[in-house]
């Protein structure tokens, strides 16, 4: 018995800025906080995605706003160039 199935896969280049959709709450906070936005955009892409991922996994909208705000405040308190995701996310 020869059970061969054929299928096609189409790959498309990800053209998004961060490689995943950014939650609107985080985006709004970044738009309102120029220092926070600068620090965020200066992060390595993997660290940016970690913050985006953790923010997007929060189901409650109000809690997402609060955590996104805390993440950006924590980011601004980290030494420039030595930011640790665990500190930014409050996982110390």
PDB file of N, CA and C in Angstrom:
ATOM      1  N   UNK A   1       0.835  -1.178   0.000  1.00  0.00           N
ATOM      2  CA  UNK A   1       0.000   0.000   0.000  1.00  0.00           C
ATOM      3  C   UNK A   1       0.884   1.246   0.000  1.00  0.00           C
ATOM      4  N   UNK A   2       0.590   2.115  -0.893  1.00  0.00           N
ATOM      5  CA  UNK A   2       1.366   3.333  -1.027  1.00  0.00           C
ATOM      6  C   UNK A   2       0.425   4.525  -0.849  1.00  0.00           C
ATOM      7  N   UNK A   3       0.447   5.119   0.337  1.00  0.00           N
ATOM      8  CA  UNK A   3      -0.439   6.247   0.651  1.00  0.00           C
ATOM      9  C   UNK A   3       0.332   7.554   0.519  1.00  0.00           C
ATOM     10  N   UNK A   4       0.437   8.037  -0.677  1.00  0.00           N
ATOM     11  CA  UNK A   4       1.134   9.302  -0.898  1.00  0.00           C
ATOM     12  C   UNK A   4       0.109  10.421  -1.012  1.00  0.00           C
ATOM     13  N   UNK A   5       0.372  11.454  -0.226  1.00  0.00           N
ATOM     14  CA  UNK A   5      -0.466  12.644  -0.320  1.00  0.00           C
ATOM     15  C   UNK A   5       0.418  13.803  -0.751  1.00  0.00           C
ATOM     16  N   UNK A   6      -0.103  14.602  -1.628  1.00  0.00           N
ATOM     17  CA  UNK A   6       0.643  15.768  -2.085  1.00  0.00           C
ATOM     18  C   UNK A   6      -0.032  17.026  -1.569  1.00  0.00           C
ATOM     19  N   UNK A   7       0.789  17.989  -1.252  1.00  0.00           N
ATOM     20  CA  UNK A   7       0.275  19.297  -0.858  1.00  0.00           C
ATOM     21  C   UNK A   7       1.314  20.350  -1.194  1.00  0.00           C
ATOM     22  N   UNK A   8       0.845  21.548  -1.330  1.00  0.00           N
ATOM     23  CA  UNK A   8       1.720  22.672  -1.650  1.00  0.00           C
ATOM     24  C   UNK A   8       1.805  23.610  -0.456  1.00  0.00           C
ATOM     25  N   UNK A   9       2.970  24.174  -0.269  1.00  0.00           N
ATOM     26  CA  UNK A   9       3.191  25.165   0.778  1.00  0.00           C
ATOM     27  C   UNK A   9       3.706  26.429   0.124  1.00  0.00           C
ATOM     28  N   UNK A  10       3.105  27.540   0.504  1.00  0.00           N
ATOM     29  CA  UNK A  10       3.560  28.818  -0.017  1.00  0.00           C
ATOM     30  C   UNK A  10       4.115  29.640   1.138  1.00  0.00           C
ATOM     31  N   UNK A  11       5.361  30.036   1.041  1.00  0.00           N
ATOM     32  CA  UNK A  11       5.991  30.860   2.058  1.00  0.00           C
ATOM     33  C   UNK A  11       5.991  32.308   1.598  1.00  0.00           C
ATOM     34  N   UNK A  12       5.672  33.190   2.518  1.00  0.00           N
ATOM     35  CA  UNK A  12       5.719  34.617   2.210  1.00  0.00           C
ATOM     36  C   UNK A  12       6.589  35.305   3.255  1.00  0.00           C
ATOM     37  N   UNK A  13       7.282  36.309   2.820  1.00  0.00           N
ATOM     38  CA  UNK A  13       8.161  37.050   3.711  1.00  0.00           C
ATOM     39  C   UNK A  13       7.329  37.874   4.684  1.00  0.00           C
ATOM     40  N   UNK A  14       7.717  37.811   5.949  1.00  0.00           N
ATOM     41  CA  UNK A  14       7.051  38.606   6.978  1.00  0.00           C
ATOM     42  C   UNK A  14       7.516  40.050   6.852  1.00  0.00           C
ATOM     43  N   UNK A  15       6.619  40.928   6.505  1.00  0.00           N
ATOM     44  CA  UNK A  15       6.951  42.334   6.298  1.00  0.00           C
ATOM     45  C   UNK A  15       6.618  43.201   7.512  1.00  0.00           C
ATOM     46  N   UNK A  16       6.127  42.583   8.595  1.00  0.00           N
ATOM     47  CA  UNK A  16       5.757  43.372   9.765  1.00  0.00           C
ATOM     48  C   UNK A  16       7.007  43.912  10.451  1.00  0.00           C
ATOM     49  N   UNK A  17       6.841  45.013  11.162  1.00  0.00           N
ATOM     50  CA  UNK A  17       7.978  45.691  11.775  1.00  0.00           C
ATOM     51  C   UNK A  17       8.675  44.834  12.829  1.00  0.00           C
ATOM     52  N   UNK A  18       7.910  44.088  13.623  1.00  0.00           N
ATOM     53  CA  UNK A  18       8.487  43.337  14.728  1.00  0.00           C
ATOM     54  C   UNK A  18       8.394  41.827  14.569  1.00  0.00           C
ATOM     55  N   UNK A  19       7.885  41.349  13.458  1.00  0.00           N
ATOM     56  CA  UNK A  19       7.762  39.912  13.245  1.00  0.00           C
ATOM     57  C   UNK A  19       6.520  39.320  13.877  1.00  0.00           C
ATOM     58  N   UNK A  20       5.703  40.139  14.474  1.00  0.00           N
ATOM     59  CA  UNK A  20       4.426  39.736  15.064  1.00  0.00           C
ATOM     60  C   UNK A  20       3.604  40.997  15.289  1.00  0.00           C
ATOM     61  N   UNK A  21       2.294  40.863  15.379  1.00  0.00           N
ATOM     62  CA  UNK A  21       1.478  42.059  15.609  1.00  0.00           C
ATOM     63  C   UNK A  21       1.721  42.618  17.012  1.00  0.00           C
ATOM     64  N   UNK A  22       1.824  43.933  17.113  1.00  0.00           N
ATOM     65  CA  UNK A  22       2.030  44.577  18.407  1.00  0.00           C
ATOM     66  C   UNK A  22       0.663  44.918  19.011  1.00  0.00           C
ATOM     67  N   UNK A  23       0.438  44.559  20.277  1.00  0.00           N
ATOM     68  CA  UNK A  23      -0.857  44.885  20.892  1.00  0.00           C
ATOM     69  C   UNK A  23      -1.105  46.392  20.867  1.00  0.00           C
ATOM     70  N   UNK A  24      -2.342  46.786  20.597  1.00  0.00           N
ATOM     71  CA  UNK A  24      -2.652  48.205  20.478  1.00  0.00           C
ATOM     72  C   UNK A  24      -2.362  48.958  21.773  1.00  0.00           C
ATOM     73  N   UNK A  25      -2.494  48.297  22.922  1.00  0.00           N
ATOM     74  CA  UNK A  25      -2.220  48.957  24.198  1.00  0.00           C
ATOM     75  C   UNK A  25      -0.733  49.323  24.313  1.00  0.00           C
ATOM     76  N   UNK A  26       0.125  48.404  23.939  1.00  0.00           N
ATOM     77  CA  UNK A  26       1.566  48.671  23.977  1.00  0.00           C
ATOM     78  C   UNK A  26       1.929  49.736  22.954  1.00  0.00           C
ATOM     79  N   UNK A  27       1.348  49.648  21.775  1.00  0.00           N
ATOM     80  CA  UNK A  27       1.618  50.631  20.728  1.00  0.00           C
ATOM     81  C   UNK A  27       1.212  52.037  21.180  1.00  0.00           C
ATOM     82  N   UNK A  28       0.068  52.153  21.834  1.00  0.00           N
ATOM     83  CA  UNK A  28      -0.411  53.458  22.302  1.00  0.00           C
ATOM     84  C   UNK A  28       0.510  54.021  23.379  1.00  0.00           C
ATOM     85  N   UNK A  29       0.961  53.177  24.284  1.00  0.00           N
ATOM     86  CA  UNK A  29       1.888  53.636  25.327  1.00  0.00           C
ATOM     87  C   UNK A  29       3.188  54.115  24.693  1.00  0.00           C
ATOM     88  N   UNK A  30       3.686  53.380  23.723  1.00  0.00           N
ATOM     89  CA  UNK A  30       4.915  53.799  23.038  1.00  0.00           C
ATOM     90  C   UNK A  30       4.711  55.122  22.294  1.00  0.00           C
ATOM     91  N   UNK A  31       3.524  55.321  21.731  1.00  0.00           N
ATOM     92  CA  UNK A  31       3.231  56.577  21.032  1.00  0.00           C
ATOM     93  C   UNK A  31       3.170  57.764  21.993  1.00  0.00           C
ATOM     94  N   UNK A  32       2.812  57.503  23.236  1.00  0.00           N
ATOM     95  CA  UNK A  32       2.682  58.573  24.224  1.00  0.00           C
ATOM     96  C   UNK A  32       3.971  58.830  25.004  1.00  0.00           C
ATOM     97  N   UNK A  33       4.918  57.907  24.941  1.00  0.00           N
ATOM     98  CA  UNK A  33       6.140  58.014  25.741  1.00  0.00           C
ATOM     99  C   UNK A  33       7.354  57.966  24.812  1.00  0.00           C
ATOM    100  N   UNK A  34       7.848  59.130  24.428  1.00  0.00           N
ATOM    101  CA  UNK A  34       8.936  59.181  23.443  1.00  0.00           C
ATOM    102  C   UNK A  34      10.214  58.512  23.950  1.00  0.00           C
ATOM    103  N   UNK A  35      10.522  58.680  25.233  1.00  0.00           N
ATOM    104  CA  UNK A  35      11.718  58.017  25.776  1.00  0.00           C
ATOM    105  C   UNK A  35      11.535  56.500  25.771  1.00  0.00           C
ATOM    106  N   UNK A  36      10.348  56.052  26.190  1.00  0.00           N
ATOM    107  CA  UNK A  36      10.068  54.618  26.183  1.00  0.00           C
ATOM    108  C   UNK A  36      10.134  54.034  24.780  1.00  0.00           C
ATOM    109  N   UNK A  37       9.604  54.771  23.809  1.00  0.00           N
ATOM    110  CA  UNK A  37       9.633  54.305  22.418  1.00  0.00           C
ATOM    111  C   UNK A  37      11.060  54.214  21.907  1.00  0.00           C
ATOM    112  N   UNK A  38      11.882  55.211  22.237  1.00  0.00           N
ATOM    113  CA  UNK A  38      13.282  55.204  21.813  1.00  0.00           C
ATOM    114  C   UNK A  38      14.013  54.012  22.420  1.00  0.00           C
ATOM    115  N   UNK A  39      13.804  53.793  23.709  1.00  0.00           N
ATOM    116  CA  UNK A  39      14.468  52.666  24.379  1.00  0.00           C
ATOM    117  C   UNK A  39      13.989  51.334  23.782  1.00  0.00           C
ATOM    118  N   UNK A  40      12.684  51.248  23.481  1.00  0.00           N
ATOM    119  CA  UNK A  40      12.126  50.026  22.898  1.00  0.00           C
ATOM    120  C   UNK A  40      12.721  49.765  21.519  1.00  0.00           C
ATOM    121  N   UNK A  41      12.770  50.791  20.679  1.00  0.00           N
ATOM    122  CA  UNK A  41      13.286  50.597  19.317  1.00  0.00           C
ATOM    123  C   UNK A  41      14.794  50.336  19.312  1.00  0.00           C
ATOM    124  N   UNK A  42      15.491  50.751  20.369  1.00  0.00           N
ATOM    125  CA  UNK A  42      16.929  50.482  20.470  1.00  0.00           C
ATOM    126  C   UNK A  42      17.237  49.058  20.935  1.00  0.00           C
ATOM    127  N   UNK A  43      16.225  48.361  21.453  1.00  0.00           N
ATOM    128  CA  UNK A  43      16.433  46.983  21.902  1.00  0.00           C
ATOM    129  C   UNK A  43      16.709  46.057  20.720  1.00  0.00           C
ATOM    130  N   UNK A  44      17.364  44.955  21.015  1.00  0.00           N
ATOM    131  CA  UNK A  44      17.539  43.902  20.007  1.00  0.00           C
ATOM    132  C   UNK A  44      16.155  43.369  19.621  1.00  0.00           C
ATOM    133  N   UNK A  45      15.988  42.944  18.370  1.00  0.00           N
ATOM    134  CA  UNK A  45      14.673  42.459  17.928  1.00  0.00           C
ATOM    135  C   UNK A  45      14.089  41.353  18.815  1.00  0.00           C
ATOM    136  N   UNK A  46      14.907  40.464  19.309  1.00  0.00           N
ATOM    137  CA  UNK A  46      14.409  39.380  20.164  1.00  0.00           C
ATOM    138  C   UNK A  46      13.832  39.907  21.467  1.00  0.00           C
ATOM    139  N   UNK A  47      14.447  40.932  22.031  1.00  0.00           N
ATOM    140  CA  UNK A  47      13.936  41.531  23.262  1.00  0.00           C
ATOM    141  C   UNK A  47      12.640  42.277  22.992  1.00  0.00           C
ATOM    142  N   UNK A  48      12.555  42.936  21.851  1.00  0.00           N
ATOM    143  CA  UNK A  48      11.305  43.600  21.464  1.00  0.00           C
ATOM    144  C   UNK A  48      10.184  42.571  21.365  1.00  0.00           C
ATOM    145  N   UNK A  49      10.470  41.454  20.702  1.00  0.00           N
ATOM    146  CA  UNK A  49       9.442  40.418  20.528  1.00  0.00           C
ATOM    147  C   UNK A  49       9.025  39.809  21.869  1.00  0.00           C
ATOM    148  N   UNK A  50       9.966  39.669  22.810  1.00  0.00           N
ATOM    149  CA  UNK A  50       9.609  39.157  24.137  1.00  0.00           C
ATOM    150  C   UNK A  50       8.591  40.063  24.809  1.00  0.00           C
ATOM    151  N   UNK A  51       8.825  41.368  24.769  1.00  0.00           N
ATOM    152  CA  UNK A  51       7.895  42.317  25.385  1.00  0.00           C
ATOM    153  C   UNK A  51       6.542  42.259  24.676  1.00  0.00           C
ATOM    154  N   UNK A  52       6.562  42.229  23.359  1.00  0.00           N
ATOM    155  CA  UNK A  52       5.324  42.138  22.586  1.00  0.00           C
ATOM    156  C   UNK A  52       4.582  40.849  22.917  1.00  0.00           C
ATOM    157  N   UNK A  53       5.306  39.734  22.952  1.00  0.00           N
ATOM    158  CA  UNK A  53       4.696  38.428  23.223  1.00  0.00           C
ATOM    159  C   UNK A  53       4.031  38.417  24.602  1.00  0.00           C
ATOM    160  N   UNK A  54       4.778  38.833  25.629  1.00  0.00           N
ATOM    161  CA  UNK A  54       4.221  38.814  26.977  1.00  0.00           C
ATOM    162  C   UNK A  54       3.021  39.742  27.102  1.00  0.00           C
ATOM    163  N   UNK A  55       3.055  40.883  26.448  1.00  0.00           N
ATOM    164  CA  UNK A  55       1.921  41.798  26.486  1.00  0.00           C
ATOM    165  C   UNK A  55       0.714  41.188  25.778  1.00  0.00           C
ATOM    166  N   UNK A  56       0.942  40.567  24.632  1.00  0.00           N
ATOM    167  CA  UNK A  56      -0.177  40.036  23.847  1.00  0.00           C
ATOM    168  C   UNK A  56      -0.842  38.830  24.491  1.00  0.00           C
ATOM    169  N   UNK A  57      -0.158  38.127  25.378  1.00  0.00           N
ATOM    170  CA  UNK A  57      -0.729  36.936  26.017  1.00  0.00           C
ATOM    171  C   UNK A  57      -1.663  37.270  27.177  1.00  0.00           C
ATOM    172  N   UNK A  58      -1.702  38.530  27.592  1.00  0.00           N
ATOM    173  CA  UNK A  58      -2.590  38.952  28.674  1.00  0.00           C
ATOM    174  C   UNK A  58      -3.992  39.133  28.098  1.00  0.00           C
ATOM    175  N   UNK A  59      -4.949  38.403  28.618  1.00  0.00           N
ATOM    176  CA  UNK A  59      -6.299  38.387  28.045  1.00  0.00           C
ATOM    177  C   UNK A  59      -7.121  39.623  28.411  1.00  0.00           C
ATOM    178  N   UNK A  60      -6.990  40.112  29.636  1.00  0.00           N
ATOM    179  CA  UNK A  60      -7.772  41.245  30.100  1.00  0.00           C
ATOM    180  C   UNK A  60      -7.173  42.546  29.580  1.00  0.00           C
ATOM    181  N   UNK A  61      -7.996  43.367  28.916  1.00  0.00           N
ATOM    182  CA  UNK A  61      -7.496  44.580  28.278  1.00  0.00           C
ATOM    183  C   UNK A  61      -6.907  45.562  29.289  1.00  0.00           C
ATOM    184  N   UNK A  62      -7.590  45.779  30.407  1.00  0.00           N
ATOM    185  CA  UNK A  62      -7.083  46.717  31.413  1.00  0.00           C
ATOM    186  C   UNK A  62      -5.750  46.235  31.978  1.00  0.00           C
ATOM    187  N   UNK A  63      -5.649  44.949  32.219  1.00  0.00           N
ATOM    188  CA  UNK A  63      -4.401  44.382  32.726  1.00  0.00           C
ATOM    189  C   UNK A  63      -3.292  44.507  31.682  1.00  0.00           C
ATOM    190  N   UNK A  64      -3.645  44.364  30.388  1.00  0.00           N
ATOM    191  CA  UNK A  64      -2.670  44.546  29.304  1.00  0.00           C
ATOM    192  C   UNK A  64      -2.112  45.963  29.310  1.00  0.00           C
ATOM    193  N   UNK A  65      -2.985  46.957  29.519  1.00  0.00           N
ATOM    194  CA  UNK A  65      -2.547  48.351  29.583  1.00  0.00           C
ATOM    195  C   UNK A  65      -1.594  48.533  30.764  1.00  0.00           C
ATOM    196  N   UNK A  66      -1.993  48.033  31.921  1.00  0.00           N
ATOM    197  CA  UNK A  66      -1.174  48.193  33.127  1.00  0.00           C
ATOM    198  C   UNK A  66       0.190  47.519  32.970  1.00  0.00           C
ATOM    199  N   UNK A  67       0.198  46.301  32.456  1.00  0.00           N
ATOM    200  CA  UNK A  67       1.468  45.579  32.310  1.00  0.00           C
ATOM    201  C   UNK A  67       2.351  46.218  31.249  1.00  0.00           C
ATOM    202  N   UNK A  68       1.755  46.649  30.150  1.00  0.00           N
ATOM    203  CA  UNK A  68       2.551  47.301  29.105  1.00  0.00           C
ATOM    204  C   UNK A  68       3.209  48.550  29.676  1.00  0.00           C
ATOM    205  N   UNK A  69       2.468  49.293  30.482  1.00  0.00           N
ATOM    206  CA  UNK A  69       3.015  50.501  31.117  1.00  0.00           C
ATOM    207  C   UNK A  69       4.176  50.128  32.047  1.00  0.00           C
ATOM    208  N   UNK A  70       3.983  49.087  32.849  1.00  0.00           N
ATOM    209  CA  UNK A  70       5.034  48.626  33.768  1.00  0.00           C
ATOM    210  C   UNK A  70       6.261  48.159  32.985  1.00  0.00           C
ATOM    211  N   UNK A  71       6.043  47.419  31.897  1.00  0.00           N
ATOM    212  CA  UNK A  71       7.171  46.935  31.089  1.00  0.00           C
ATOM    213  C   UNK A  71       8.003  48.112  30.573  1.00  0.00           C
ATOM    214  N   UNK A  72       7.342  49.160  30.087  1.00  0.00           N
ATOM    215  CA  UNK A  72       8.073  50.311  29.549  1.00  0.00           C
ATOM    216  C   UNK A  72       8.767  51.084  30.670  1.00  0.00           C
ATOM    217  N   UNK A  73       8.114  51.237  31.820  1.00  0.00           N
ATOM    218  CA  UNK A  73       8.779  51.879  32.960  1.00  0.00           C
ATOM    219  C   UNK A  73      10.018  51.080  33.388  1.00  0.00           C
ATOM    220  N   UNK A  74       9.878  49.762  33.467  1.00  0.00           N
ATOM    221  CA  UNK A  74      11.016  48.911  33.824  1.00  0.00           C
ATOM    222  C   UNK A  74      12.130  49.034  32.796  1.00  0.00           C
ATOM    223  N   UNK A  75      11.771  49.088  31.527  1.00  0.00           N
ATOM    224  CA  UNK A  75      12.760  49.242  30.461  1.00  0.00           C
ATOM    225  C   UNK A  75      13.547  50.530  30.651  1.00  0.00           C
ATOM    226  N   UNK A  76      12.842  51.617  30.959  1.00  0.00           N
ATOM    227  CA  UNK A  76      13.518  52.912  31.127  1.00  0.00           C
ATOM    228  C   UNK A  76      14.435  52.930  32.353  1.00  0.00           C
ATOM    229  N   UNK A  77      14.181  52.040  33.317  1.00  0.00           N
ATOM    230  CA  UNK A  77      15.022  51.958  34.507  1.00  0.00           C
ATOM    231  C   UNK A  77      16.239  51.062  34.322  1.00  0.00           C
ATOM    232  N   UNK A  78      16.279  50.317  33.232  1.00  0.00           N
ATOM    233  CA  UNK A  78      17.418  49.443  32.949  1.00  0.00           C
ATOM    234  C   UNK A  78      18.576  50.262  32.377  1.00  0.00           C
ATOM    235  N   UNK A  79      19.815  49.885  32.686  1.00  0.00           N
ATOM    236  CA  UNK A  79      20.960  50.590  32.078  1.00  0.00           C
ATOM    237  C   UNK A  79      20.950  50.410  30.556  1.00  0.00           C
ATOM    238  N   UNK A  80      21.169  51.485  29.831  1.00  0.00           N
ATOM    239  CA  UNK A  80      21.170  51.419  28.369  1.00  0.00           C
ATOM    240  C   UNK A  80      22.238  50.444  27.885  1.00  0.00           C
ATOM    241  N   UNK A  81      21.831  49.587  26.966  1.00  0.00           N
ATOM    242  CA  UNK A  81      22.743  48.607  26.391  1.00  0.00           C
ATOM    243  C   UNK A  81      22.894  47.348  27.226  1.00  0.00           C
ATOM    244  N   UNK A  82      22.322  47.333  28.419  1.00  0.00           N
ATOM    245  CA  UNK A  82      22.424  46.157  29.301  1.00  0.00           C
ATOM    246  C   UNK A  82      21.044  45.732  29.791  1.00  0.00           C
ATOM    247  N   UNK A  83      20.037  45.958  28.979  1.00  0.00           N
ATOM    248  CA  UNK A  83      18.668  45.631  29.346  1.00  0.00           C
ATOM    249  C   UNK A  83      18.500  44.117  29.443  1.00  0.00           C
ATOM    250  N   UNK A  84      17.860  43.691  30.497  1.00  0.00           N
ATOM    251  CA  UNK A  84      17.551  42.268  30.681  1.00  0.00           C
ATOM    252  C   UNK A  84      16.044  42.091  30.618  1.00  0.00           C
ATOM    253  N   UNK A  85      15.607  41.195  29.767  1.00  0.00           N
ATOM    254  CA  UNK A  85      14.169  40.954  29.593  1.00  0.00           C
ATOM    255  C   UNK A  85      13.518  40.554  30.908  1.00  0.00           C
ATOM    256  N   UNK A  86      14.197  39.737  31.705  1.00  0.00           N
ATOM    257  CA  UNK A  86      13.606  39.305  32.984  1.00  0.00           C
ATOM    258  C   UNK A  86      13.335  40.498  33.886  1.00  0.00           C
ATOM    259  N   UNK A  87      14.199  41.505  33.878  1.00  0.00           N
ATOM    260  CA  UNK A  87      13.963  42.703  34.678  1.00  0.00           C
ATOM    261  C   UNK A  87      12.848  43.561  34.084  1.00  0.00           C
ATOM    262  N   UNK A  88      12.818  43.667  32.779  1.00  0.00           N
ATOM    263  CA  UNK A  88      11.783  44.455  32.106  1.00  0.00           C
ATOM    264  C   UNK A  88      10.404  43.872  32.398  1.00  0.00           C
ATOM    265  N   UNK A  89      10.311  42.547  32.379  1.00  0.00           N
ATOM    266  CA  UNK A  89       9.027  41.878  32.582  1.00  0.00           C
ATOM    267  C   UNK A  89       8.696  41.686  34.060  1.00  0.00           C
ATOM    268  N   UNK A  90       9.610  42.090  34.929  1.00  0.00           N
ATOM    269  CA  UNK A  90       9.375  41.937  36.367  1.00  0.00           C
ATOM    270  C   UNK A  90       9.505  40.516  36.837  1.00  0.00           C
ATOM    271  N   UNK A  91      10.335  39.732  36.173  1.00  0.00           N
ATOM    272  CA  UNK A  91      10.522  38.321  36.517  1.00  0.00           C
ATOM    273  C   UNK A  91      11.776  38.096  37.365  1.00  0.00           C
ATOM    274  N   UNK A  92      12.300  39.141  37.950  1.00  0.00           N
ATOM    275  CA  UNK A  92      13.561  39.096  38.716  1.00  0.00           C
ATOM    276  C   UNK A  92      13.537  38.030  39.779  1.00  0.00           C
TER     277      UNK A  92
END
